[in-house]
N, C-alpha and C. Protein backbone atom coordinates (compact mmCIF):
# COMPACT_ATOMS: atom_id res chain seq x y z
N MET A 1 190.24 43.09 62.40
CA MET A 1 191.65 42.06 63.07
C MET A 1 190.74 41.42 64.26
N TYR A 2 189.45 42.31 64.85
CA TYR A 2 188.86 40.99 66.08
C TYR A 2 188.90 39.84 65.02
N GLU A 3 188.09 40.16 64.64
CA GLU A 3 187.73 38.99 63.55
C GLU A 3 188.78 37.51 63.37
N ILE A 4 189.97 37.97 62.69
CA ILE A 4 191.01 37.47 61.90
C ILE A 4 190.88 36.70 63.23
N ILE A 5 191.84 37.64 64.41
CA ILE A 5 192.49 36.67 65.98
C ILE A 5 191.10 35.71 66.44
N ARG A 6 189.99 35.84 66.45
CA ARG A 6 188.96 34.70 66.92
C ARG A 6 189.02 34.08 66.25
N VAL A 7 189.01 33.91 64.58
CA VAL A 7 188.75 32.78 63.68
C VAL A 7 190.10 32.10 64.51
N ARG A 8 191.12 32.46 64.24
CA ARG A 8 192.43 31.74 64.59
C ARG A 8 192.08 30.99 65.85
N ILE A 9 191.88 31.97 67.14
CA ILE A 9 191.55 30.86 67.73
C ILE A 9 190.45 29.91 68.03
N GLU A 10 189.77 29.91 67.44
CA GLU A 10 188.00 29.34 67.63
C GLU A 10 188.48 28.12 66.62
N THR A 11 189.94 27.92 65.36
CA THR A 11 189.84 27.13 64.16
C THR A 11 191.37 26.27 64.62
N GLY A 12 191.72 27.09 66.36
CA GLY A 12 192.69 26.02 66.63
C GLY A 12 194.37 26.28 66.18
N ALA A 13 194.35 27.61 65.22
CA ALA A 13 195.14 28.13 64.48
C ALA A 13 195.67 28.76 66.26
N TYR A 14 195.50 29.42 67.17
CA TYR A 14 196.28 29.75 68.38
C TYR A 14 195.44 28.53 69.47
N SER A 15 196.30 27.78 69.72
CA SER A 15 195.49 26.39 70.35
C SER A 15 195.39 27.03 71.65
N PRO A 16 194.37 26.36 72.78
CA PRO A 16 194.24 26.70 74.21
C PRO A 16 195.72 27.30 74.80
N GLY A 17 195.95 27.92 75.93
CA GLY A 17 196.71 27.95 76.29
C GLY A 17 198.08 28.48 75.75
N ALA A 18 197.81 28.92 74.45
CA ALA A 18 198.97 29.37 73.57
C ALA A 18 199.14 30.80 73.35
N LYS A 19 200.45 30.99 73.72
CA LYS A 19 200.69 32.60 73.91
C LYS A 19 200.36 33.05 72.37
N ILE A 20 199.59 34.12 72.50
CA ILE A 20 199.32 34.90 70.96
C ILE A 20 200.65 36.07 70.90
N PRO A 21 200.40 36.91 69.32
CA PRO A 21 201.45 37.55 69.06
C PRO A 21 201.04 39.10 70.06
N THR A 22 202.33 39.68 70.21
CA THR A 22 202.47 40.47 71.35
C THR A 22 201.52 41.66 70.48
N VAL A 23 201.14 42.99 71.07
CA VAL A 23 199.97 43.72 70.43
C VAL A 23 201.10 44.48 69.42
N LEU A 24 202.71 44.98 69.75
CA LEU A 24 203.53 44.96 68.36
C LEU A 24 203.53 44.04 67.14
N GLU A 25 203.50 42.86 67.55
CA GLU A 25 203.26 41.78 66.51
C GLU A 25 202.12 41.98 65.86
N LEU A 26 201.13 42.30 66.48
CA LEU A 26 200.10 42.52 65.51
C LEU A 26 200.00 43.76 64.93
N VAL A 27 200.74 44.87 65.57
CA VAL A 27 200.69 46.37 64.50
C VAL A 27 201.22 46.04 63.18
N ALA A 28 202.47 45.03 63.42
CA ALA A 28 203.47 44.83 62.50
C ALA A 28 202.81 44.01 61.58
N GLU A 29 202.14 42.70 61.59
CA GLU A 29 201.79 42.15 61.36
C GLU A 29 200.14 42.62 60.24
N PHE A 30 199.12 43.91 60.50
CA PHE A 30 198.20 44.39 59.45
C PHE A 30 198.40 45.12 59.48
N GLN A 31 200.04 46.04 60.09
CA GLN A 31 199.99 47.48 59.86
C GLN A 31 199.20 48.42 60.12
N ILE A 32 198.67 48.00 61.40
CA ILE A 32 197.50 49.35 62.46
C ILE A 32 198.20 49.75 63.08
N ALA A 33 197.16 50.73 63.81
CA ALA A 33 197.85 51.35 64.92
C ALA A 33 197.97 50.88 66.16
N ASN A 34 199.26 51.33 67.08
CA ASN A 34 199.09 50.38 68.13
C ASN A 34 197.84 50.63 69.24
N VAL A 35 197.50 51.47 68.83
CA VAL A 35 195.85 51.77 69.56
C VAL A 35 194.69 50.80 69.32
N THR A 36 195.10 50.61 67.88
CA THR A 36 193.90 49.84 67.37
C THR A 36 193.83 48.11 67.80
N ALA A 37 195.38 48.06 67.91
CA ALA A 37 195.54 46.38 68.78
C ALA A 37 194.94 46.54 69.49
N GLN A 38 195.61 47.38 70.51
CA GLN A 38 195.00 47.32 71.94
C GLN A 38 193.90 46.87 72.39
N LYS A 39 193.00 48.11 71.27
CA LYS A 39 191.48 47.61 71.53
C LYS A 39 191.23 46.35 71.05
N VAL A 40 191.73 45.91 70.09
CA VAL A 40 191.46 44.36 70.01
C VAL A 40 191.51 43.42 70.64
N TYR A 41 192.95 43.62 71.61
CA TYR A 41 192.98 42.50 72.48
C TYR A 41 192.32 42.82 73.60
N ARG A 42 191.66 44.07 73.90
CA ARG A 42 191.14 44.18 75.10
C ARG A 42 189.38 43.71 74.51
N LYS A 43 188.88 43.94 73.46
CA LYS A 43 187.73 42.95 73.62
C LYS A 43 187.79 41.72 73.48
N LEU A 44 189.09 41.27 73.34
CA LEU A 44 189.27 39.31 73.07
C LEU A 44 189.00 39.20 74.18
N ARG A 45 189.44 39.71 75.07
CA ARG A 45 190.10 39.88 77.07
C ARG A 45 188.55 39.86 77.55
N GLU A 46 187.78 40.86 77.04
CA GLU A 46 186.10 41.21 77.58
C GLU A 46 185.77 39.73 77.23
N ASP A 47 185.63 39.03 75.39
CA ASP A 47 184.86 37.99 75.24
C ASP A 47 185.47 36.63 76.06
N GLY A 48 186.60 37.04 76.92
CA GLY A 48 186.54 35.58 77.09
C GLY A 48 187.48 34.59 76.52
N LEU A 49 187.95 35.44 75.00
CA LEU A 49 188.80 34.41 74.43
C LEU A 49 190.54 34.18 74.77
N ILE A 50 190.90 35.63 75.82
CA ILE A 50 192.34 35.28 75.40
C ILE A 50 192.68 36.20 77.34
N TYR A 51 193.26 35.98 78.18
CA TYR A 51 193.83 36.92 79.36
C TYR A 51 195.47 36.96 79.10
N THR A 52 195.37 38.11 79.74
CA THR A 52 196.94 38.79 79.76
C THR A 52 197.53 38.80 81.21
N GLU A 53 198.92 38.46 81.00
CA GLU A 53 199.45 37.60 82.35
C GLU A 53 200.53 39.35 82.52
N PRO A 54 200.67 40.32 83.10
CA PRO A 54 201.65 41.37 83.18
C PRO A 54 203.08 40.68 82.96
N GLY A 55 203.93 41.17 81.74
CA GLY A 55 205.28 40.75 82.10
C GLY A 55 205.18 39.38 81.62
N MET A 56 204.25 38.80 80.95
CA MET A 56 204.47 37.72 80.03
C MET A 56 203.36 37.62 79.16
N GLY A 57 203.11 38.34 78.32
CA GLY A 57 202.13 38.32 77.59
C GLY A 57 200.38 37.80 77.76
N SER A 58 199.90 38.02 76.52
CA SER A 58 198.31 37.35 76.18
C SER A 58 198.13 35.89 75.78
N PHE A 59 197.66 34.76 76.68
CA PHE A 59 197.03 33.44 76.08
C PHE A 59 195.72 33.58 75.83
N VAL A 60 195.27 32.33 74.93
CA VAL A 60 194.27 31.94 74.54
C VAL A 60 193.56 31.43 75.70
N VAL A 61 192.22 31.21 76.37
CA VAL A 61 191.90 30.70 77.13
C VAL A 61 191.49 29.48 77.14
N GLU A 62 192.00 28.37 78.19
CA GLU A 62 191.94 27.22 77.59
C GLU A 62 190.53 26.57 77.98
N ASP A 63 189.71 26.78 78.84
CA ASP A 63 188.58 26.52 78.36
C ASP A 63 187.26 27.74 78.00
N GLN A 64 187.01 28.07 76.80
CA GLN A 64 186.31 28.48 76.13
C GLN A 64 185.27 28.83 76.92
N GLY A 65 184.54 28.57 77.48
CA GLY A 65 183.00 28.48 78.42
C GLY A 65 183.31 29.31 79.94
N ASN A 66 184.67 29.23 80.25
CA ASN A 66 184.95 29.27 81.76
C ASN A 66 186.14 29.79 81.68
N PRO A 67 186.17 31.11 81.45
CA PRO A 67 187.41 32.01 81.63
C PRO A 67 188.16 31.92 82.56
């Protein structure tokens, strides 16, 4: 799942600044456990690809070189 979301970000399917699907939407799309989806988003944050605003959602970092 991580690679799929990363590729979507890198190819512009999820454009910079765009809100990405919620953890629950990821669970439904890929039929994975909630914990697995949370780990995917944690790794994306650690790699500087997304950021999360509490109560708002997760978004693609606008400047990949400077999160």
